[in-house]
């Protein structure tokens, strides 16, 4: 009986294979084949040439493929593989040794944002909470907002949580307290997001994000350059950058800044100049301007 089904994600190269029961309380990413893996399923999937990464958390398996392969051609076969391992109980193996969780605080270029980094993956995609009214499905956000009234925004990506405070409090006074709170939350198996949470990009009301499936050739090229040359540095600073659209008539690429990058006094100008230079160099006569917009 087929019980595994697929769900799309904001990243067109990542597809979720949802199982009927919870697989694990944490999140584990697999990117290479090893002999001592906790997931026989992940090791089988990573032997497939077009599979780049496997992320297992909550009740689903997220698979990241290479750009050149279409999901329509492979998703049924992958779903069958996941289904077989689910039925056999070999999606992920219970470990007798629980790795201690650690959390450390890291400053960002934005003085109002502190980055709290864990030694485990927290999410398969970005979660951005811009207000206290939008925490549905994200228990960690509800907990942090409830504990710290001065926190205004929460950004979760990969293995870290970036918190934006108001101007009335200082991180010098609160960093260690918040770090301890997040560490305790994770050590007690606190949920980051609910199983039915839908990952989405929260944007200003005047911004309409273009679906990657509708990208032009130029937009695909810009996105590829951002992912390879810009995103790693931006993520290291606790933020994210997304392509909104590219106007071929004005040769302007519009970017959305998120996390620590949003509202940073220096990031808009720095990222604009840096990204603009990279795109001009790698796409001469295609991109002439970059417009950075805070999320």
Protein backbone atom coordinates (compact mmCIF):
# COMPACT_ATOMS: atom_id res chain seq x y z
CA UNK A 1 0.00 0.00 0.00
CA UNK A 2 1.39 3.38 -1.00
CA UNK A 3 1.48 5.80 1.92
CA UNK A 4 4.35 8.08 0.86
CA UNK A 5 3.44 11.17 -1.15
CA UNK A 6 5.36 14.17 -2.51
CA UNK A 7 5.19 17.87 -1.68
CA UNK A 8 6.96 20.70 -3.47
CA UNK A 9 9.15 23.25 -1.67
CA UNK A 10 10.18 26.85 -2.49
CA UNK A 11 13.44 25.41 -3.85
CA UNK A 12 12.60 23.78 -7.22
CA UNK A 13 15.47 21.32 -6.82
CA UNK A 14 14.19 20.00 -3.47
CA UNK A 15 11.16 17.72 -3.18
CA UNK A 16 9.64 16.38 0.04
CA UNK A 17 8.61 12.73 0.33
CA UNK A 18 6.10 12.71 3.18
CA UNK A 19 5.58 9.62 5.34
CA UNK A 20 2.49 8.83 7.47
CA UNK A 21 4.38 8.84 10.80
CA UNK A 22 7.20 10.79 12.40
CA UNK A 23 10.67 9.61 11.38
CA UNK A 24 12.83 11.56 13.83
CA UNK A 25 12.52 14.44 16.30
CA UNK A 26 15.65 16.13 14.99
CA UNK A 27 16.97 16.84 11.54
CA UNK A 28 19.86 15.12 9.77
CA UNK A 29 21.45 16.03 6.43
CA UNK A 30 23.31 13.44 4.36
CA UNK A 31 25.58 14.50 1.50
CA UNK A 32 28.00 11.59 1.11
CA UNK A 33 27.97 7.81 1.30
CA UNK A 34 29.45 6.41 4.53
CA UNK A 35 29.71 2.98 6.10
CA UNK A 36 28.30 4.02 9.47
CA UNK A 37 25.32 6.09 8.39
CA UNK A 38 22.19 6.18 10.53
CA UNK A 39 20.07 6.09 7.37
CA UNK A 40 20.26 3.15 4.94
CA UNK A 41 17.74 5.04 2.79
CA UNK A 42 20.01 8.10 2.50
CA UNK A 43 22.95 5.93 1.47
CA UNK A 44 20.92 4.30 -1.30
CA UNK A 45 19.66 7.67 -2.54
CA UNK A 46 23.15 9.23 -2.54
CA UNK A 47 24.36 6.47 -4.84
CA UNK A 48 22.01 7.87 -7.49
CA UNK A 49 24.05 10.28 -9.69
CA UNK A 50 21.52 13.12 -9.74
CA UNK A 51 20.88 13.17 -5.97
CA UNK A 52 23.02 15.80 -4.20
CA UNK A 53 21.68 15.81 -0.63
CA UNK A 54 19.14 14.04 1.57
CA UNK A 55 17.56 15.70 4.61
CA UNK A 56 15.42 13.69 7.04
CA UNK A 57 13.32 15.39 9.70
CA UNK A 58 9.85 15.22 11.26
CA UNK A 59 7.77 12.99 8.96
CA UNK A 60 9.44 13.58 5.62
CA UNK A 61 12.54 12.96 3.52
CA UNK A 62 13.71 15.96 1.48
CA UNK A 63 15.80 15.13 -1.58
CA UNK A 64 17.89 17.68 -3.46
CA UNK A 65 18.62 16.93 -7.12
CA UNK A 66 20.90 18.48 -9.73
CA UNK A 67 19.48 21.24 -11.94
CA UNK A 68 19.52 19.20 -15.17
CA UNK A 69 17.07 16.52 -14.00
CA UNK A 70 13.28 16.99 -14.01
CA UNK A 71 11.24 15.76 -11.04
CA UNK A 72 8.59 14.42 -13.43
CA UNK A 73 11.11 11.89 -14.72
CA UNK A 74 12.31 10.56 -11.36
CA UNK A 75 9.92 11.33 -8.50
CA UNK A 76 7.82 8.16 -8.85
CA UNK A 77 10.90 5.94 -8.69
CA UNK A 78 12.24 7.87 -5.69
CA UNK A 79 8.88 7.65 -3.92
CA UNK A 80 8.95 3.87 -4.39
CA UNK A 81 12.44 3.70 -2.84
CA UNK A 82 11.33 5.80 0.14
CA UNK A 83 8.17 3.69 0.50
CA UNK A 84 10.17 0.45 0.56
CA UNK A 85 12.50 1.74 3.26
CA UNK A 86 9.61 3.15 5.25
CA UNK A 87 7.84 -0.22 5.18
CA UNK A 88 11.06 -1.95 6.27
CA UNK A 89 11.81 0.58 9.00
CA UNK A 90 15.16 1.57 7.47
CA UNK A 91 14.57 5.23 6.65
CA UNK A 92 16.56 6.15 9.75
CA UNK A 93 17.98 3.89 12.43
CA UNK A 94 17.64 4.66 16.13
CA UNK A 95 20.97 5.59 17.66
CA UNK A 96 21.97 4.31 21.06
CA UNK A 97 24.29 7.27 21.51
CA UNK A 98 22.76 10.72 21.51
CA UNK A 99 25.12 13.45 20.33
CA UNK A 100 25.24 16.37 22.80
CA UNK A 101 23.66 19.51 21.42
CA UNK A 102 25.73 22.68 21.46
CA UNK A 103 24.79 26.27 20.64
CA UNK A 104 27.09 29.24 20.26
CA UNK A 105 26.37 32.91 19.61
CA UNK A 106 27.84 34.75 16.66
CA UNK A 107 27.70 38.47 15.86
CA UNK A 108 26.45 39.63 12.46
CA UNK A 109 27.10 42.85 10.49
CA UNK A 110 23.67 44.01 11.67
CA UNK A 111 24.04 45.30 15.28
CA UNK A 112 20.43 44.39 16.04
CA UNK A 113 20.80 40.76 14.94
CA UNK A 114 22.55 37.92 16.79
CA UNK A 115 23.07 34.51 15.23
CA UNK A 116 22.73 31.36 17.39
CA UNK A 117 24.38 28.35 15.75
CA UNK A 118 23.63 24.73 16.68
CA UNK A 119 25.68 21.63 15.88
CA UNK A 120 22.71 20.03 14.12
CA UNK A 121 20.48 20.95 11.24
CA UNK A 122 17.25 22.63 12.26
CA UNK A 123 15.30 23.13 9.03
CA UNK A 124 15.38 21.95 5.40
CA UNK A 125 14.42 25.43 4.17
CA UNK A 126 14.14 29.00 5.41
CA UNK A 127 11.66 30.11 8.05
CA UNK A 128 11.24 33.87 8.46
CA UNK A 129 8.88 35.28 11.08
CA UNK A 130 8.51 39.05 10.73
CA UNK A 131 5.87 39.55 13.42
CA UNK A 132 4.45 37.85 16.51
CA UNK A 133 1.14 37.27 14.73
CA UNK A 134 2.73 34.92 12.17
CA UNK A 135 4.13 32.16 14.39
CA UNK A 136 1.54 29.49 13.54
CA UNK A 137 3.28 26.18 12.89
CA UNK A 138 6.62 27.35 14.28
CA UNK A 139 6.79 26.42 18.01
CA UNK A 140 10.34 27.72 18.45
CA UNK A 141 9.22 31.18 17.35
CA UNK A 142 6.27 31.13 19.73
CA UNK A 143 8.61 30.13 22.57
CA UNK A 144 11.23 32.80 21.87
CA UNK A 145 8.70 35.59 21.39
CA UNK A 146 6.97 34.55 24.60
CA UNK A 147 10.21 34.56 26.60
CA UNK A 148 11.80 37.72 25.18
CA UNK A 149 9.49 40.70 24.49
CA UNK A 150 12.33 42.68 22.88
CA UNK A 151 12.75 40.19 20.01
CA UNK A 152 11.05 41.51 16.88
CA UNK A 153 11.95 39.05 14.11
CA UNK A 154 13.11 35.43 13.88
CA UNK A 155 14.98 33.86 10.97
CA UNK A 156 15.82 30.13 10.89
CA UNK A 157 18.01 28.55 8.22
CA UNK A 158 20.05 25.36 8.13
CA UNK A 159 21.66 25.08 11.59
CA UNK A 160 21.13 28.55 13.01
CA UNK A 161 18.55 30.99 14.36
CA UNK A 162 19.04 34.73 13.76
CA UNK A 163 17.15 37.00 16.15
CA UNK A 164 16.43 40.69 15.57
CA UNK A 165 15.98 42.80 18.69
CA UNK A 166 14.47 46.26 19.16
CA UNK A 167 16.57 49.36 19.84
CA UNK A 168 15.81 49.46 23.56
CA UNK A 169 17.88 46.42 24.57
CA UNK A 170 21.54 45.47 24.13
CA UNK A 171 22.87 42.11 23.02
CA UNK A 172 25.73 42.63 25.51
CA UNK A 173 23.20 42.02 28.28
CA UNK A 174 21.11 39.28 26.69
CA UNK A 175 23.30 37.11 24.44
CA UNK A 176 24.27 34.49 27.04
CA UNK A 177 20.75 34.26 28.44
CA UNK A 178 19.21 33.75 24.98
CA UNK A 179 21.90 31.23 24.04
CA UNK A 180 21.15 29.19 27.16
CA UNK A 181 17.41 29.34 26.46
CA UNK A 182 17.79 28.08 22.87
CA UNK A 183 20.20 25.35 24.00
CA UNK A 184 17.77 24.16 26.67
CA UNK A 185 14.91 24.25 24.15
CA UNK A 186 16.82 22.02 21.71
CA UNK A 187 18.11 19.68 24.43
CA UNK A 188 14.52 19.06 25.52
CA UNK A 189 13.52 18.12 21.95
CA UNK A 190 11.60 21.35 21.40
CA UNK A 191 10.04 21.48 17.94
CA UNK A 192 11.29 23.98 15.38
CA UNK A 193 8.26 23.59 13.10
CA UNK A 194 5.13 21.47 12.91
CA UNK A 195 4.85 18.61 10.42
CA UNK A 196 2.24 20.44 8.34
CA UNK A 197 4.13 23.76 8.25
CA UNK A 198 4.40 25.20 4.74
CA UNK A 199 7.78 26.82 4.04
CA UNK A 200 7.32 30.11 2.26
CA UNK A 201 9.17 33.36 1.67
CA UNK A 202 7.66 36.22 3.67
CA UNK A 203 7.91 39.37 1.57
CA UNK A 204 6.82 43.01 1.89
CA UNK A 205 3.26 43.50 0.64
CA UNK A 206 4.44 45.51 -2.36
CA UNK A 207 6.80 42.74 -3.53
CA UNK A 208 5.59 39.89 -5.72
CA UNK A 209 8.16 37.09 -5.83
CA UNK A 210 8.54 35.41 -9.19
CA UNK A 211 8.26 31.63 -9.19
CA UNK A 212 11.53 29.99 -10.21
CA UNK A 213 9.61 27.86 -12.70
CA UNK A 214 8.81 31.07 -14.58
CA UNK A 215 12.39 32.37 -14.64
CA UNK A 216 13.80 33.63 -17.92
CA UNK A 217 17.19 32.35 -19.10
CA UNK A 218 18.85 35.45 -17.66
CA UNK A 219 17.12 34.94 -14.30
CA UNK A 220 18.29 31.33 -14.15
CA UNK A 221 21.85 32.52 -14.78
CA UNK A 222 21.59 35.21 -12.08
CA UNK A 223 20.13 32.72 -9.59
CA UNK A 224 22.95 30.24 -10.27
CA UNK A 225 25.58 32.93 -9.65
CA UNK A 226 23.87 34.02 -6.43
CA UNK A 227 23.73 30.44 -5.15
CA UNK A 228 27.40 29.74 -5.86
CA UNK A 229 29.15 33.02 -5.16
CA UNK A 230 26.91 35.09 -2.88
CA UNK A 231 24.72 32.87 -0.70
CA UNK A 232 27.53 31.21 1.29
CA UNK A 233 28.85 34.57 2.51
CA UNK A 234 25.36 35.91 3.18
CA UNK A 235 24.37 32.79 5.14
CA UNK A 236 27.57 33.06 7.16
CA UNK A 237 26.38 36.50 8.27
CA UNK A 238 22.99 35.11 9.33
CA UNK A 239 20.98 36.26 6.34
CA UNK A 240 19.62 35.30 2.95
CA UNK A 241 19.20 36.86 -0.47
CA UNK A 242 16.60 35.94 -3.06
CA UNK A 243 16.11 37.05 -6.65
CA UNK A 244 12.78 38.83 -7.03
CA UNK A 245 12.99 39.42 -10.77
CA UNK A 246 15.21 40.73 -13.56
CA UNK A 247 14.07 43.62 -15.74
CA UNK A 248 15.71 43.06 -19.14
CA UNK A 249 14.75 46.52 -20.38
CA UNK A 250 16.54 48.38 -17.58
CA UNK A 251 19.04 45.52 -16.99
CA UNK A 252 18.17 45.65 -13.28
CA UNK A 253 18.14 42.64 -10.96
CA UNK A 254 15.94 43.10 -7.90
CA UNK A 255 17.01 41.25 -4.75
CA UNK A 256 15.18 40.56 -1.47
CA UNK A 257 17.34 40.75 1.67
CA UNK A 258 16.29 38.56 4.60
CA UNK A 259 17.44 37.70 8.10
CA UNK A 260 20.41 39.70 9.37
CA UNK A 261 20.74 41.39 5.98
CA UNK A 262 17.29 42.97 6.23
CA UNK A 263 17.51 46.42 7.78
CA UNK A 264 21.28 46.23 8.30
CA UNK A 265 22.76 49.76 8.08
CA UNK A 266 25.55 48.63 5.77
CA UNK A 267 24.27 45.53 4.02
CA UNK A 268 22.08 47.20 1.41
CA UNK A 269 24.94 49.26 -0.01
CA UNK A 270 27.58 46.55 0.50
CA UNK A 271 25.54 43.76 -1.03
CA UNK A 272 24.35 45.98 -3.86
CA UNK A 273 27.87 46.95 -4.82
CA UNK A 274 29.31 43.47 -4.31
CA UNK A 275 26.58 41.61 -6.15
CA UNK A 276 26.43 44.22 -8.87
CA UNK A 277 30.15 43.82 -9.48
CA UNK A 278 29.97 40.03 -9.63
CA UNK A 279 26.99 40.02 -11.99
CA UNK A 280 28.51 42.67 -14.27
CA UNK A 281 31.71 40.65 -14.48
CA UNK A 282 30.06 37.27 -15.05
CA UNK A 283 27.14 38.50 -17.18
CA UNK A 284 28.60 41.42 -19.16
CA UNK A 285 26.06 43.51 -21.07
CA UNK A 286 23.25 41.62 -19.34
CA UNK A 287 23.12 43.04 -15.80
CA UNK A 288 23.92 46.69 -15.20
CA UNK A 289 22.17 47.42 -11.91
CA UNK A 290 21.13 45.66 -8.70
CA UNK A 291 18.29 46.90 -6.53
CA UNK A 292 18.36 45.56 -2.96
CA UNK A 293 15.08 45.53 -1.01
CA UNK A 294 14.76 44.77 2.71
CA UNK A 295 12.36 42.00 3.63
